[in-house]
Amino acid sequence: ILSSVAVATSSVRLGTAVLLGAQRHPVSLAHAATSLDLISEGRLTIGMGVGGAFNESQRKEWMNLGIDYKTRGERLEELVKIFKPLTRGEEVAFAGQHFSVDGVTIQPISQQLNGIPVIVAAHYRTGLDNQFRRVGELGDGLISISDYPSEYSQVIDRVDEYAIKAGRDPSVLDHVFYMTVNINVDKSKAEREADQFLRMYYGVNIWKDRWGPWGPTQEIGERMNEYVDAGAKTVIVRFASFEQRKQLDIFLNEVCTFL
């Protein structure tokens, strides 16, 4: 799908938010990603996350892939350690608990100088240090989906601490926030449709009021600005609606006036 978008566009940034890296093999994923990066002339960013196991349906997804869902964090870290240098054109040898490669290289390689950027998911609500360390040590940035603005700024601080410990410059990391919105002057209708959309998408509305906001255009615009003030460099907007094109039109014509 992203390859189709790439050939139909010339400047928009392309990416995933987020891809469950632990369900893929790092070599095949790197092949697919660098091919897309070549087609798009270097416009690809990969957002990766550990993924959820919040309900039986999600846990069964991991089981059907032959993966113990309890190992998904470890698998993601090993994958990034292989994936990232491969996209830069390096020869990689790695022996891990979940993935092992010996002297592997790929072609094509990324069109971007430091390989394909990998933005790693981290959330304040979980309170797990491993996710902040994972971003600080391995990521080209962080992406969060469920934090209030005040919490999001704290996530950035925690990630920066781990980046510094790893000898990295935190100022070069991208800070991404992924907002799920429904735009409607009738706030109750926006809430109902968003809840229905999310339950169909995930099987559960796990974050409840941490999504959003759902409601009038001004509220959406003001919340976006709050995330920017909290440190977000990139804000992604997803519409929790069954009228995607209508939501996009409202967003471009009305919400963007508040930004």
C-alpha atoms as a PDB file:
ATOM      1  CA  ILE A   1       0.000   0.000   0.000  1.00  0.00           C
ATOM      2  CA  LEU A   2       2.773   2.432   0.889  1.00  0.00           C
ATOM      3  CA  SER A   3       4.499   1.669  -2.424  1.00  0.00           C
ATOM      4  CA  SER A   4       1.291   2.656  -4.210  1.00  0.00           C
ATOM      5  CA  VAL A   5       1.150   5.872  -2.201  1.00  0.00           C
ATOM      6  CA  ALA A   6       4.825   6.493  -2.982  1.00  0.00           C
ATOM      7  CA  VAL A   7       4.363   6.421  -6.765  1.00  0.00           C
ATOM      8  CA  ALA A   8       1.269   8.639  -6.514  1.00  0.00           C
ATOM      9  CA  THR A   9       3.047  11.319  -4.467  1.00  0.00           C
ATOM     10  CA  SER A  10       6.324  13.204  -4.522  1.00  0.00           C
ATOM     11  CA  SER A  11       6.876  14.892  -1.166  1.00  0.00           C
ATOM     12  CA  VAL A  12       4.739  13.468   1.656  1.00  0.00           C
ATOM     13  CA  ARG A  13       6.470  11.536   4.384  1.00  0.00           C
ATOM     14  CA  LEU A  14       5.547   7.835   4.426  1.00  0.00           C
ATOM     15  CA  GLY A  15       5.547   5.531   7.408  1.00  0.00           C
ATOM     16  CA  THR A  16       3.958   3.042   9.760  1.00  0.00           C
ATOM     17  CA  ALA A  17       2.458   3.899  13.135  1.00  0.00           C
ATOM     18  CA  VAL A  18       3.156   1.356  14.327  1.00  0.00           C
ATOM     19  CA  LEU A  19       4.334  -1.858  12.725  1.00  0.00           C
ATOM     20  CA  LEU A  20       4.709  -4.909  14.980  1.00  0.00           C
ATOM     21  CA  GLY A  21       8.355  -5.621  14.235  1.00  0.00           C
ATOM     22  CA  ALA A  22       8.469  -8.628  16.549  1.00  0.00           C
ATOM     23  CA  GLN A  23       6.145 -10.475  14.160  1.00  0.00           C
ATOM     24  CA  ARG A  24       8.603 -10.133  11.256  1.00  0.00           C
ATOM     25  CA  HIS A  25      12.047 -11.413  10.381  1.00  0.00           C
ATOM     26  CA  PRO A  26      14.575  -8.545  10.292  1.00  0.00           C
ATOM     27  CA  VAL A  27      16.128  -9.494   6.938  1.00  0.00           C
ATOM     28  CA  SER A  28      12.862  -9.793   5.025  1.00  0.00           C
ATOM     29  CA  LEU A  29      11.549  -6.640   6.681  1.00  0.00           C
ATOM     30  CA  ALA A  30      14.707  -4.747   5.722  1.00  0.00           C
ATOM     31  CA  HIS A  31      14.357  -5.928   2.111  1.00  0.00           C
ATOM     32  CA  ALA A  32      10.771  -4.708   1.918  1.00  0.00           C
ATOM     33  CA  ALA A  33      11.555  -1.407   3.642  1.00  0.00           C
ATOM     34  CA  THR A  34      14.577  -0.481   1.527  1.00  0.00           C
ATOM     35  CA  SER A  35      12.688  -1.348  -1.651  1.00  0.00           C
ATOM     36  CA  LEU A  36       9.924   1.031  -0.579  1.00  0.00           C
ATOM     37  CA  ASP A  37      12.520   3.645   0.370  1.00  0.00           C
ATOM     38  CA  LEU A  38      14.009   3.382  -3.117  1.00  0.00           C
ATOM     39  CA  ILE A  39      10.596   3.742  -4.771  1.00  0.00           C
ATOM     40  CA  SER A  40       9.772   6.759  -2.597  1.00  0.00           C
ATOM     41  CA  GLU A  41      13.234   8.329  -3.032  1.00  0.00           C
ATOM     42  CA  GLY A  42      14.027   8.301   0.679  1.00  0.00           C
ATOM     43  CA  ARG A  43      10.701   9.306   2.249  1.00  0.00           C
ATOM     44  CA  LEU A  44      10.139   6.293   4.509  1.00  0.00           C
ATOM     45  CA  THR A  45      10.073   6.227   8.316  1.00  0.00           C
ATOM     46  CA  ILE A  46       9.253   2.999  10.128  1.00  0.00           C
ATOM     47  CA  GLY A  47       7.351   3.269  13.394  1.00  0.00           C
ATOM     48  CA  MET A  48       7.726   0.061  15.389  1.00  0.00           C
ATOM     49  CA  GLY A  49       6.128  -1.094  18.601  1.00  0.00           C
ATOM     50  CA  VAL A  50       6.045  -4.096  20.880  1.00  0.00           C
ATOM     51  CA  GLY A  51       2.339  -4.535  20.258  1.00  0.00           C
ATOM     52  CA  GLY A  52      -0.430  -5.497  22.612  1.00  0.00           C
ATOM     53  CA  ALA A  53      -1.603  -8.690  24.269  1.00  0.00           C
ATOM     54  CA  PHE A  54      -4.550  -7.078  26.038  1.00  0.00           C
ATOM     55  CA  ASN A  55      -7.139  -9.704  25.216  1.00  0.00           C
ATOM     56  CA  GLU A  56      -7.407 -13.309  24.062  1.00  0.00           C
ATOM     57  CA  SER A  57      -7.773 -12.331  20.416  1.00  0.00           C
ATOM     58  CA  GLN A  58      -4.490 -10.419  20.458  1.00  0.00           C
ATOM     59  CA  ARG A  59      -2.683 -13.172  22.360  1.00  0.00           C
ATOM     60  CA  LYS A  60      -3.963 -15.725  19.856  1.00  0.00           C
ATOM     61  CA  GLU A  61      -2.493 -13.663  17.011  1.00  0.00           C
ATOM     62  CA  TRP A  62       0.976 -14.112  18.503  1.00  0.00           C
ATOM     63  CA  MET A  63       0.379 -17.810  19.176  1.00  0.00           C
ATOM     64  CA  ASN A  64      -0.708 -18.408  15.576  1.00  0.00           C
ATOM     65  CA  LEU A  65       2.613 -16.953  14.435  1.00  0.00           C
ATOM     66  CA  GLY A  66       4.476 -19.318  16.725  1.00  0.00           C
ATOM     67  CA  ILE A  67       5.638 -16.484  18.990  1.00  0.00           C
ATOM     68  CA  ASP A  68       5.418 -16.305  22.759  1.00  0.00           C
ATOM     69  CA  TYR A  69       3.846 -12.878  23.284  1.00  0.00           C
ATOM     70  CA  LYS A  70       5.868 -12.464  26.481  1.00  0.00           C
ATOM     71  CA  THR A  71       9.057 -12.269  24.375  1.00  0.00           C
ATOM     72  CA  ARG A  72       7.833  -9.577  22.002  1.00  0.00           C
ATOM     73  CA  GLY A  73       9.910  -6.792  23.614  1.00  0.00           C
ATOM     74  CA  GLU A  74      13.125  -8.820  23.373  1.00  0.00           C
ATOM     75  CA  ARG A  75      12.365  -9.773  19.771  1.00  0.00           C
ATOM     76  CA  LEU A  76      11.766  -6.150  18.799  1.00  0.00           C
ATOM     77  CA  GLU A  77      15.114  -5.039  20.221  1.00  0.00           C
ATOM     78  CA  GLU A  78      16.999  -7.784  18.398  1.00  0.00           C
ATOM     79  CA  LEU A  79      15.158  -6.985  15.188  1.00  0.00           C
ATOM     80  CA  VAL A  80      16.105  -3.292  15.294  1.00  0.00           C
ATOM     81  CA  LYS A  81      19.760  -4.166  15.937  1.00  0.00           C
ATOM     82  CA  ILE A  82      19.771  -6.191  12.702  1.00  0.00           C
ATOM     83  CA  PHE A  83      17.326  -4.150  10.631  1.00  0.00           C
ATOM     84  CA  LYS A  84      18.860  -0.700  11.043  1.00  0.00           C
ATOM     85  CA  PRO A  85      22.456  -1.471   9.903  1.00  0.00           C
ATOM     86  CA  LEU A  86      21.143  -3.605   7.046  1.00  0.00           C
ATOM     87  CA  THR A  87      19.233  -0.630   5.664  1.00  0.00           C
ATOM     88  CA  ARG A  88      22.497   1.387   5.771  1.00  0.00           C
ATOM     89  CA  GLY A  89      24.224  -1.192   3.605  1.00  0.00           C
ATOM     90  CA  GLU A  90      26.344  -2.739   6.359  1.00  0.00           C
ATOM     91  CA  GLU A  91      27.244  -6.398   6.625  1.00  0.00           C
ATOM     92  CA  VAL A  92      25.613  -7.743   9.773  1.00  0.00           C
ATOM     93  CA  ALA A  93      26.512 -10.638  12.056  1.00  0.00           C
ATOM     94  CA  PHE A  94      24.288 -11.055  15.081  1.00  0.00           C
ATOM     95  CA  ALA A  95      23.548 -13.941  17.420  1.00  0.00           C
ATOM     96  CA  GLY A  96      20.548 -13.423  19.662  1.00  0.00           C
ATOM     97  CA  GLN A  97      17.945 -15.386  21.543  1.00  0.00           C
ATOM     98  CA  HIS A  98      15.391 -14.936  18.777  1.00  0.00           C
ATOM     99  CA  PHE A  99      17.257 -13.948  15.610  1.00  0.00           C
ATOM    100  CA  SER A 100      20.682 -14.921  14.314  1.00  0.00           C
ATOM    101  CA  VAL A 101      22.333 -13.824  11.070  1.00  0.00           C
ATOM    102  CA  ASP A 102      25.882 -14.286   9.815  1.00  0.00           C
ATOM    103  CA  GLY A 103      27.508 -11.948   7.291  1.00  0.00           C
ATOM    104  CA  VAL A 104      24.267 -10.820   5.667  1.00  0.00           C
ATOM    105  CA  THR A 105      23.867  -7.791   3.410  1.00  0.00           C
ATOM    106  CA  ILE A 106      20.960  -6.607   1.278  1.00  0.00           C
ATOM    107  CA  GLN A 107      20.293  -4.617  -1.873  1.00  0.00           C
ATOM    108  CA  PRO A 108      18.899  -2.097  -2.467  1.00  0.00           C
ATOM    109  CA  ILE A 109      19.840  -0.079   0.585  1.00  0.00           C
ATOM    110  CA  SER A 110      18.128   2.989   1.978  1.00  0.00           C
ATOM    111  CA  GLN A 111      18.284   6.271   0.109  1.00  0.00           C
ATOM    112  CA  GLN A 112      18.764   7.995   3.479  1.00  0.00           C
ATOM    113  CA  LEU A 113      22.249   8.634   4.857  1.00  0.00           C
ATOM    114  CA  ASN A 114      21.750   6.848   8.184  1.00  0.00           C
ATOM    115  CA  GLY A 115      19.418   4.182   6.886  1.00  0.00           C
ATOM    116  CA  ILE A 116      15.677   4.064   7.379  1.00  0.00           C
ATOM    117  CA  PRO A 117      14.631   5.963  10.529  1.00  0.00           C
ATOM    118  CA  VAL A 118      13.120   3.707  13.185  1.00  0.00           C
ATOM    119  CA  ILE A 119      10.689   5.429  15.539  1.00  0.00           C
ATOM    120  CA  VAL A 120       9.997   3.241  18.590  1.00  0.00           C
ATOM    121  CA  ALA A 121       6.807   3.266  20.655  1.00  0.00           C
ATOM    122  CA  ALA A 122       6.871   4.251  24.334  1.00  0.00           C
ATOM    123  CA  HIS A 123       3.980   5.139  26.632  1.00  0.00           C
ATOM    124  CA  TYR A 124       3.890   6.861  29.999  1.00  0.00           C
ATOM    125  CA  ARG A 125       0.932   4.838  31.244  1.00  0.00           C
ATOM    126  CA  THR A 126       2.794   1.513  31.265  1.00  0.00           C
ATOM    127  CA  GLY A 127       5.515   2.926  33.509  1.00  0.00           C
ATOM    128  CA  LEU A 128       8.018   0.383  32.184  1.00  0.00           C
ATOM    129  CA  ASP A 129      11.633   1.557  32.028  1.00  0.00           C
ATOM    130  CA  ASN A 130      12.449  -0.957  29.293  1.00  0.00           C
ATOM    131  CA  GLN A 131      10.404   0.953  26.736  1.00  0.00           C
ATOM    132  CA  PHE A 132      12.160   4.256  27.475  1.00  0.00           C
ATOM    133  CA  ARG A 133      15.560   2.544  27.391  1.00  0.00           C
ATOM    134  CA  ARG A 134      14.646   0.842  24.105  1.00  0.00           C
ATOM    135  CA  VAL A 135      13.980   4.191  22.436  1.00  0.00           C
ATOM    136  CA  GLY A 136      16.998   5.921  23.967  1.00  0.00           C
ATOM    137  CA  GLU A 137      19.421   3.189  22.974  1.00  0.00           C
ATOM    138  CA  LEU A 138      18.023   2.006  19.634  1.00  0.00           C
ATOM    139  CA  GLY A 139      15.494   4.427  18.169  1.00  0.00           C
ATOM    140  CA  ASP A 140      15.739   7.416  15.884  1.00  0.00           C
ATOM    141  CA  GLY A 141      12.850   8.817  17.874  1.00  0.00           C
ATOM    142  CA  LEU A 142       9.816   7.920  19.950  1.00  0.00           C
ATOM    143  CA  ILE A 143       6.160   7.611  19.171  1.00  0.00           C
ATOM    144  CA  SER A 144       3.372   7.608  21.738  1.00  0.00           C
ATOM    145  CA  ILE A 145      -0.341   7.128  21.256  1.00  0.00           C
ATOM    146  CA  SER A 146      -1.972   7.166  24.683  1.00  0.00           C
ATOM    147  CA  ASP A 147      -0.429   9.930  26.810  1.00  0.00           C
ATOM    148  CA  TYR A 148      -1.882  13.198  27.990  1.00  0.00           C
ATOM    149  CA  PRO A 149       0.326  16.173  27.006  1.00  0.00           C
ATOM    150  CA  SER A 150       1.792  16.491  30.523  1.00  0.00           C
ATOM    151  CA  GLU A 151       2.681  12.792  30.485  1.00  0.00           C
ATOM    152  CA  TYR A 152       4.138  12.980  27.000  1.00  0.00           C
ATOM    153  CA  SER A 153       6.711  15.555  28.079  1.00  0.00           C
ATOM    154  CA  GLN A 154       7.788  13.170  30.837  1.00  0.00           C
ATOM    155  CA  VAL A 155       8.195  10.357  28.296  1.00  0.00           C
ATOM    156  CA  ILE A 156      10.544  12.599  26.313  1.00  0.00           C
ATOM    157  CA  ASP A 157      12.574  13.334  29.438  1.00  0.00           C
ATOM    158  CA  ARG A 158      12.919   9.633  30.284  1.00  0.00           C
ATOM    159  CA  VAL A 159      13.967   8.743  26.752  1.00  0.00           C
ATOM    160  CA  ASP A 160      16.520  11.569  26.710  1.00  0.00           C
ATOM    161  CA  GLU A 161      18.054  10.247  29.938  1.00  0.00           C
ATOM    162  CA  TYR A 162      18.623   6.825  28.394  1.00  0.00           C
ATOM    163  CA  ALA A 163      19.936   8.327  25.171  1.00  0.00           C
ATOM    164  CA  ILE A 164      22.545  10.295  27.120  1.00  0.00           C
ATOM    165  CA  LYS A 165      23.527   7.165  29.081  1.00  0.00           C
ATOM    166  CA  ALA A 166      24.028   5.384  25.750  1.00  0.00           C
ATOM    167  CA  GLY A 167      26.291   8.198  24.521  1.00  0.00           C
ATOM    168  CA  ARG A 168      23.751   9.516  22.044  1.00  0.00           C
ATOM    169  CA  ASP A 169      22.624  13.077  21.343  1.00  0.00           C
ATOM    170  CA  PRO A 170      18.945  13.277  22.363  1.00  0.00           C
ATOM    171  CA  SER A 171      18.391  16.473  20.384  1.00  0.00           C
ATOM    172  CA  VAL A 172      18.468  14.538  17.093  1.00  0.00           C
ATOM    173  CA  LEU A 173      15.637  12.197  18.122  1.00  0.00           C
ATOM    174  CA  ASP A 174      12.230  12.752  16.593  1.00  0.00           C
ATOM    175  CA  HIS A 175       9.316  13.133  19.014  1.00  0.00           C
ATOM    176  CA  VAL A 176       6.123  11.814  17.450  1.00  0.00           C
ATOM    177  CA  PHE A 177       2.632  11.816  18.893  1.00  0.00           C
ATOM    178  CA  TYR A 178      -0.157   9.826  17.274  1.00  0.00           C
ATOM    179  CA  MET A 179      -3.571  11.404  17.887  1.00  0.00           C
ATOM    180  CA  THR A 180      -6.836   9.550  17.323  1.00  0.00           C
ATOM    181  CA  VAL A 181      -9.609  12.061  16.745  1.00  0.00           C
ATOM    182  CA  ASN A 182     -13.204  12.329  15.633  1.00  0.00           C
ATOM    183  CA  ILE A 183     -14.309  15.786  14.486  1.00  0.00           C
ATOM    184  CA  ASN A 184     -17.948  16.688  15.085  1.00  0.00           C
ATOM    185  CA  VAL A 185     -19.731  19.705  16.551  1.00  0.00           C
ATOM    186  CA  ASP A 186     -21.869  17.166  18.424  1.00  0.00           C
ATOM    187  CA  LYS A 187     -19.394  15.842  20.980  1.00  0.00           C
ATOM    188  CA  SER A 188     -21.599  12.924  22.044  1.00  0.00           C
ATOM    189  CA  LYS A 189     -21.898  11.695  18.438  1.00  0.00           C
ATOM    190  CA  ALA A 190     -18.146  11.998  18.005  1.00  0.00           C
ATOM    191  CA  GLU A 191     -17.568   9.931  21.139  1.00  0.00           C
ATOM    192  CA  ARG A 192     -20.010   7.204  20.116  1.00  0.00           C
ATOM    193  CA  GLU A 193     -18.607   6.808  16.620  1.00  0.00           C
ATOM    194  CA  ALA A 194     -15.003   6.865  17.837  1.00  0.00           C
ATOM    195  CA  ASP A 195     -15.724   4.218  20.457  1.00  0.00           C
ATOM    196  CA  GLN A 196     -17.412   1.988  17.863  1.00  0.00           C
ATOM    197  CA  PHE A 197     -14.529   2.455  15.418  1.00  0.00           C
ATOM    198  CA  LEU A 198     -11.856   1.610  17.991  1.00  0.00           C
ATOM    199  CA  ARG A 199     -13.689  -1.460  19.276  1.00  0.00           C
ATOM    200  CA  MET A 200     -13.984  -2.782  15.721  1.00  0.00           C
ATOM    201  CA  TYR A 201     -10.313  -1.999  15.043  1.00  0.00           C
ATOM    202  CA  TYR A 202      -8.748  -3.417  18.211  1.00  0.00           C
ATOM    203  CA  GLY A 203     -11.461  -5.590  19.704  1.00  0.00           C
ATOM    204  CA  VAL A 204     -11.316  -3.397  22.811  1.00  0.00           C
ATOM    205  CA  ASN A 205     -11.224   0.324  23.611  1.00  0.00           C
ATOM    206  CA  ILE A 206      -8.227  -0.017  25.897  1.00  0.00           C
ATOM    207  CA  TRP A 207      -7.243   3.661  26.315  1.00  0.00           C
ATOM    208  CA  LYS A 208     -10.727   5.226  26.626  1.00  0.00           C
ATOM    209  CA  ASP A 209     -10.349   9.023  27.227  1.00  0.00           C
ATOM    210  CA  ARG A 210      -6.612   8.814  26.530  1.00  0.00           C
ATOM    211  CA  TRP A 211      -7.548   8.751  22.863  1.00  0.00           C
ATOM    212  CA  GLY A 212      -8.874  11.863  21.326  1.00  0.00           C
ATOM    213  CA  PRO A 213     -10.074  14.449  21.668  1.00  0.00           C
ATOM    214  CA  TRP A 214     -13.409  13.728  20.046  1.00  0.00           C
ATOM    215  CA  GLY A 215     -15.498  16.795  19.312  1.00  0.00           C
ATOM    216  CA  PRO A 216     -15.406  20.291  17.758  1.00  0.00           C
ATOM    217  CA  THR A 217     -12.589  21.525  15.521  1.00  0.00           C
ATOM    218  CA  GLN A 218     -11.269  24.039  18.039  1.00  0.00           C
ATOM    219  CA  GLU A 219     -10.813  21.332  20.665  1.00  0.00           C
ATOM    220  CA  ILE A 220      -8.832  19.194  18.209  1.00  0.00           C
ATOM    221  CA  GLY A 221      -6.584  22.082  17.197  1.00  0.00           C
ATOM    222  CA  GLU A 222      -5.948  23.185  20.752  1.00  0.00           C
ATOM    223  CA  ARG A 223      -4.977  19.659  21.830  1.00  0.00           C
ATOM    224  CA  MET A 224      -2.545  19.342  18.910  1.00  0.00           C
ATOM    225  CA  ASN A 225      -0.868  22.554  20.015  1.00  0.00           C
ATOM    226  CA  GLU A 226      -0.644  21.197  23.559  1.00  0.00           C
ATOM    227  CA  TYR A 227       1.365  18.224  22.285  1.00  0.00           C
ATOM    228  CA  VAL A 228       3.653  20.534  20.322  1.00  0.00           C
ATOM    229  CA  ASP A 229       4.191  22.597  23.474  1.00  0.00           C
ATOM    230  CA  ALA A 230       4.962  19.345  25.334  1.00  0.00           C
ATOM    231  CA  GLY A 231       7.768  18.579  22.874  1.00  0.00           C
ATOM    232  CA  ALA A 232       6.202  16.835  19.878  1.00  0.00           C
ATOM    233  CA  LYS A 233       8.080  17.502  16.630  1.00  0.00           C
ATOM    234  CA  THR A 234       5.707  15.405  14.510  1.00  0.00           C
ATOM    235  CA  VAL A 235       1.968  14.940  15.110  1.00  0.00           C
ATOM    236  CA  ILE A 236       0.156  12.148  13.296  1.00  0.00           C
ATOM    237  CA  VAL A 237      -3.635  12.314  13.082  1.00  0.00           C
ATOM    238  CA  ARG A 238      -5.865   9.286  12.642  1.00  0.00           C
ATOM    239  CA  PHE A 239      -9.624   9.619  12.257  1.00  0.00           C
ATOM    240  CA  ALA A 240     -11.693   7.220  14.389  1.00  0.00           C
ATOM    241  CA  SER A 241     -14.561   7.549  11.950  1.00  0.00           C
ATOM    242  CA  PHE A 242     -16.310   5.624   9.196  1.00  0.00           C
ATOM    243  CA  GLU A 243     -16.242   8.764   7.002  1.00  0.00           C
ATOM    244  CA  GLN A 244     -12.514   9.161   6.473  1.00  0.00           C
ATOM    245  CA  ARG A 245     -12.584  11.564   3.524  1.00  0.00           C
ATOM    246  CA  LYS A 246     -15.128  13.821   5.226  1.00  0.00           C
ATOM    247  CA  GLN A 247     -13.007  13.935   8.395  1.00  0.00           C
ATOM    248  CA  LEU A 248      -9.895  14.765   6.361  1.00  0.00           C
ATOM    249  CA  ASP A 249     -11.664  17.615   4.588  1.00  0.00           C
ATOM    250  CA  ILE A 250     -12.855  19.094   7.890  1.00  0.00           C
ATOM    251  CA  PHE A 251      -9.388  18.726   9.349  1.00  0.00           C
ATOM    252  CA  LEU A 252      -7.659  20.490   6.442  1.00  0.00           C
ATOM    253  CA  ASN A 253     -10.229  23.261   6.099  1.00  0.00           C
ATOM    254  CA  GLU A 254     -11.055  23.942   9.748  1.00  0.00           C
ATOM    255  CA  VAL A 255      -8.693  22.342  12.283  1.00  0.00           C
ATOM    256  CA  CYS A 256      -5.536  23.511  10.534  1.00  0.00           C
ATOM    257  CA  THR A 257      -6.540  27.128  11.086  1.00  0.00           C
ATOM    258  CA  PHE A 258      -5.791  26.634  14.801  1.00  0.00           C
ATOM    259  CA  LEU A 259      -2.251  25.313  14.185  1.00  0.00           C
END
